[in-house]
Amino acid sequence: MVQKIKIFSFFSGCGFLDLGFENSGFEVVFVNEKFSPFMRAYRYARQLLEISEPEYGYLEDDLYHVRLNSDK
């Protein structure tokens, strides 16, 4: 079995670039887009195309607000 290269998608927009990667054999495992209309379009398109949700999900926020380690 060939393992797919996993991609974290930042500034994802409506997801067309991600779709191109997936059609070329990559796997999108995380999606970040802070503009709500783009994120809604991204999710809707994936639902229509019956593409599973990313392994690590979606983040609709600015990464500046994300804390990776709660101890700091």
N, C-alpha and C. Protein backbone atom coordinates (compact mmCIF):
# COMPACT_ATOMS: atom_id res chain seq x y z
N MET A 1 0.84 -1.18 0.00
CA MET A 1 0.00 0.00 0.00
C MET A 1 0.88 1.25 0.00
N VAL A 2 0.57 2.18 -0.87
CA VAL A 2 1.30 3.44 -0.95
C VAL A 2 0.71 4.42 0.05
N GLN A 3 1.59 4.98 0.90
CA GLN A 3 1.13 5.94 1.90
C GLN A 3 1.07 7.33 1.28
N LYS A 4 -0.04 8.02 1.51
CA LYS A 4 -0.22 9.37 0.97
C LYS A 4 0.55 10.38 1.81
N ILE A 5 1.06 11.42 1.16
CA ILE A 5 1.68 12.52 1.88
C ILE A 5 0.57 13.35 2.49
N LYS A 6 0.72 13.66 3.79
CA LYS A 6 -0.32 14.41 4.51
C LYS A 6 -0.02 15.90 4.47
N ILE A 7 -1.09 16.69 4.28
CA ILE A 7 -0.96 18.14 4.14
C ILE A 7 -1.78 18.85 5.21
N PHE A 8 -1.18 19.85 5.83
CA PHE A 8 -1.91 20.80 6.67
C PHE A 8 -2.16 22.02 5.80
N SER A 9 -3.40 22.40 5.63
CA SER A 9 -3.78 23.48 4.73
C SER A 9 -4.07 24.76 5.51
N PHE A 10 -3.27 25.80 5.26
CA PHE A 10 -3.46 27.10 5.89
C PHE A 10 -3.89 28.10 4.84
N PHE A 11 -4.71 29.08 5.21
CA PHE A 11 -5.25 30.05 4.25
C PHE A 11 -5.95 29.29 3.12
N SER A 12 -6.84 28.38 3.49
CA SER A 12 -7.40 27.39 2.57
C SER A 12 -8.38 27.94 1.55
N GLY A 13 -8.94 29.11 1.82
CA GLY A 13 -9.93 29.65 0.90
C GLY A 13 -11.11 28.70 0.79
N CYS A 14 -11.60 28.52 -0.42
CA CYS A 14 -12.73 27.61 -0.66
C CYS A 14 -12.28 26.17 -0.90
N GLY A 15 -10.97 25.93 -0.91
CA GLY A 15 -10.47 24.57 -0.96
C GLY A 15 -10.10 24.03 -2.33
N PHE A 16 -10.06 24.88 -3.34
CA PHE A 16 -9.77 24.38 -4.68
C PHE A 16 -8.34 23.87 -4.83
N LEU A 17 -7.37 24.55 -4.21
CA LEU A 17 -5.99 24.07 -4.25
C LEU A 17 -5.89 22.73 -3.52
N ASP A 18 -6.56 22.62 -2.38
CA ASP A 18 -6.56 21.36 -1.63
C ASP A 18 -7.16 20.23 -2.46
N LEU A 19 -8.22 20.52 -3.16
CA LEU A 19 -8.86 19.52 -4.02
C LEU A 19 -7.88 19.03 -5.09
N GLY A 20 -7.12 19.95 -5.64
CA GLY A 20 -6.10 19.58 -6.62
C GLY A 20 -5.05 18.65 -6.02
N PHE A 21 -4.61 18.97 -4.80
CA PHE A 21 -3.65 18.09 -4.13
C PHE A 21 -4.26 16.71 -3.90
N GLU A 22 -5.50 16.67 -3.43
CA GLU A 22 -6.14 15.38 -3.15
C GLU A 22 -6.33 14.57 -4.43
N ASN A 23 -6.65 15.24 -5.51
CA ASN A 23 -6.79 14.54 -6.80
C ASN A 23 -5.46 14.03 -7.33
N SER A 24 -4.36 14.57 -6.77
CA SER A 24 -3.01 14.14 -7.18
C SER A 24 -2.40 13.14 -6.21
N GLY A 25 -3.19 12.68 -5.23
CA GLY A 25 -2.73 11.62 -4.35
C GLY A 25 -2.31 12.04 -2.96
N PHE A 26 -2.45 13.31 -2.62
CA PHE A 26 -2.13 13.78 -1.28
C PHE A 26 -3.36 13.66 -0.39
N GLU A 27 -3.16 13.81 0.93
CA GLU A 27 -4.27 13.76 1.87
C GLU A 27 -4.25 15.01 2.74
N VAL A 28 -5.33 15.80 2.69
CA VAL A 28 -5.45 16.99 3.52
C VAL A 28 -5.95 16.54 4.90
N VAL A 29 -5.15 16.79 5.95
CA VAL A 29 -5.50 16.30 7.28
C VAL A 29 -5.90 17.42 8.25
N PHE A 30 -5.68 18.68 7.87
CA PHE A 30 -6.06 19.82 8.71
C PHE A 30 -6.33 21.01 7.80
N VAL A 31 -7.38 21.77 8.13
CA VAL A 31 -7.76 22.93 7.33
C VAL A 31 -7.92 24.14 8.23
N ASN A 32 -7.28 25.25 7.84
CA ASN A 32 -7.40 26.51 8.57
C ASN A 32 -7.83 27.60 7.59
N GLU A 33 -8.96 28.23 7.89
CA GLU A 33 -9.45 29.39 7.13
C GLU A 33 -10.24 30.25 8.09
N LYS A 34 -9.86 31.52 8.23
CA LYS A 34 -10.55 32.35 9.22
C LYS A 34 -11.73 33.12 8.65
N PHE A 35 -11.88 33.18 7.33
CA PHE A 35 -12.99 33.90 6.71
C PHE A 35 -14.19 32.95 6.58
N SER A 36 -15.23 33.19 7.37
CA SER A 36 -16.38 32.28 7.48
C SER A 36 -17.01 31.86 6.15
N PRO A 37 -17.26 32.80 5.22
CA PRO A 37 -17.88 32.37 3.96
C PRO A 37 -17.02 31.36 3.19
N PHE A 38 -15.69 31.52 3.24
CA PHE A 38 -14.82 30.56 2.56
C PHE A 38 -14.88 29.20 3.25
N MET A 39 -14.88 29.19 4.58
CA MET A 39 -14.94 27.92 5.30
C MET A 39 -16.26 27.20 5.04
N ARG A 40 -17.36 27.95 5.00
CA ARG A 40 -18.65 27.32 4.69
C ARG A 40 -18.63 26.71 3.29
N ALA A 41 -18.06 27.42 2.33
CA ALA A 41 -17.97 26.91 0.96
C ALA A 41 -17.07 25.67 0.91
N TYR A 42 -15.97 25.72 1.64
CA TYR A 42 -15.03 24.59 1.69
C TYR A 42 -15.74 23.33 2.19
N ARG A 43 -16.43 23.46 3.32
CA ARG A 43 -17.11 22.30 3.91
C ARG A 43 -18.25 21.81 3.02
N TYR A 44 -18.99 22.72 2.44
CA TYR A 44 -20.11 22.36 1.58
C TYR A 44 -19.62 21.59 0.35
N ALA A 45 -18.56 22.07 -0.26
CA ALA A 45 -18.02 21.41 -1.46
C ALA A 45 -17.56 19.99 -1.13
N ARG A 46 -16.88 19.83 0.01
CA ARG A 46 -16.42 18.49 0.40
C ARG A 46 -17.59 17.55 0.67
N GLN A 47 -18.64 18.11 1.25
CA GLN A 47 -19.83 17.30 1.51
C GLN A 47 -20.47 16.85 0.20
N LEU A 48 -20.61 17.78 -0.75
CA LEU A 48 -21.20 17.43 -2.05
C LEU A 48 -20.37 16.39 -2.80
N LEU A 49 -19.04 16.50 -2.68
CA LEU A 49 -18.15 15.58 -3.37
C LEU A 49 -17.92 14.28 -2.59
N GLU A 50 -18.56 14.18 -1.41
CA GLU A 50 -18.45 13.01 -0.54
C GLU A 50 -17.00 12.71 -0.16
N ILE A 51 -16.26 13.78 0.20
CA ILE A 51 -14.88 13.67 0.67
C ILE A 51 -14.93 13.73 2.19
N SER A 52 -14.26 12.81 2.83
CA SER A 52 -14.30 12.76 4.30
C SER A 52 -13.67 14.00 4.93
N GLU A 53 -14.04 14.24 6.17
CA GLU A 53 -13.49 15.39 6.89
C GLU A 53 -12.01 15.15 7.18
N PRO A 54 -11.24 16.22 7.29
CA PRO A 54 -9.82 16.06 7.61
C PRO A 54 -9.61 15.38 8.96
N GLU A 55 -8.58 14.59 9.04
CA GLU A 55 -8.26 13.82 10.26
C GLU A 55 -8.18 14.70 11.51
N TYR A 56 -7.57 15.88 11.39
CA TYR A 56 -7.42 16.78 12.53
C TYR A 56 -8.43 17.92 12.51
N GLY A 57 -9.37 17.87 11.60
CA GLY A 57 -10.49 18.80 11.59
C GLY A 57 -10.23 20.14 10.94
N TYR A 58 -11.12 21.07 11.29
CA TYR A 58 -11.13 22.42 10.74
C TYR A 58 -10.87 23.43 11.85
N LEU A 59 -10.21 24.52 11.51
CA LEU A 59 -10.06 25.63 12.44
C LEU A 59 -10.46 26.90 11.70
N GLU A 60 -11.50 27.53 12.20
CA GLU A 60 -11.96 28.79 11.61
C GLU A 60 -11.56 29.92 12.55
N ASP A 61 -10.29 30.25 12.54
CA ASP A 61 -9.75 31.26 13.44
C ASP A 61 -8.37 31.68 12.95
N ASP A 62 -7.86 32.73 13.53
CA ASP A 62 -6.50 33.18 13.28
C ASP A 62 -5.57 32.30 14.12
N LEU A 63 -4.54 31.75 13.54
CA LEU A 63 -3.63 30.87 14.27
C LEU A 63 -2.92 31.60 15.41
N TYR A 64 -2.91 32.89 15.37
CA TYR A 64 -2.30 33.68 16.44
C TYR A 64 -2.95 33.36 17.79
N HIS A 65 -4.23 33.00 17.76
CA HIS A 65 -4.98 32.75 18.99
C HIS A 65 -4.87 31.31 19.50
N VAL A 66 -4.18 30.45 18.78
CA VAL A 66 -4.09 29.04 19.14
C VAL A 66 -2.90 28.81 20.07
N ARG A 67 -3.13 28.12 21.16
CA ARG A 67 -2.06 27.72 22.07
C ARG A 67 -1.85 26.23 21.94
N LEU A 68 -0.63 25.84 21.67
CA LEU A 68 -0.32 24.43 21.49
C LEU A 68 -0.06 23.71 22.80
N ASN A 69 0.42 24.42 23.80
CA ASN A 69 0.77 23.80 25.07
C ASN A 69 0.13 24.60 26.19
N SER A 70 -0.78 23.98 26.92
CA SER A 70 -1.52 24.70 27.97
C SER A 70 -0.67 25.01 29.20
N ASP A 71 0.54 24.44 29.29
CA ASP A 71 1.42 24.69 30.43
C ASP A 71 2.13 26.04 30.36
N LYS A 72 2.11 26.69 29.23
CA LYS A 72 2.85 27.95 29.06
C LYS A 72 1.93 29.13 29.03
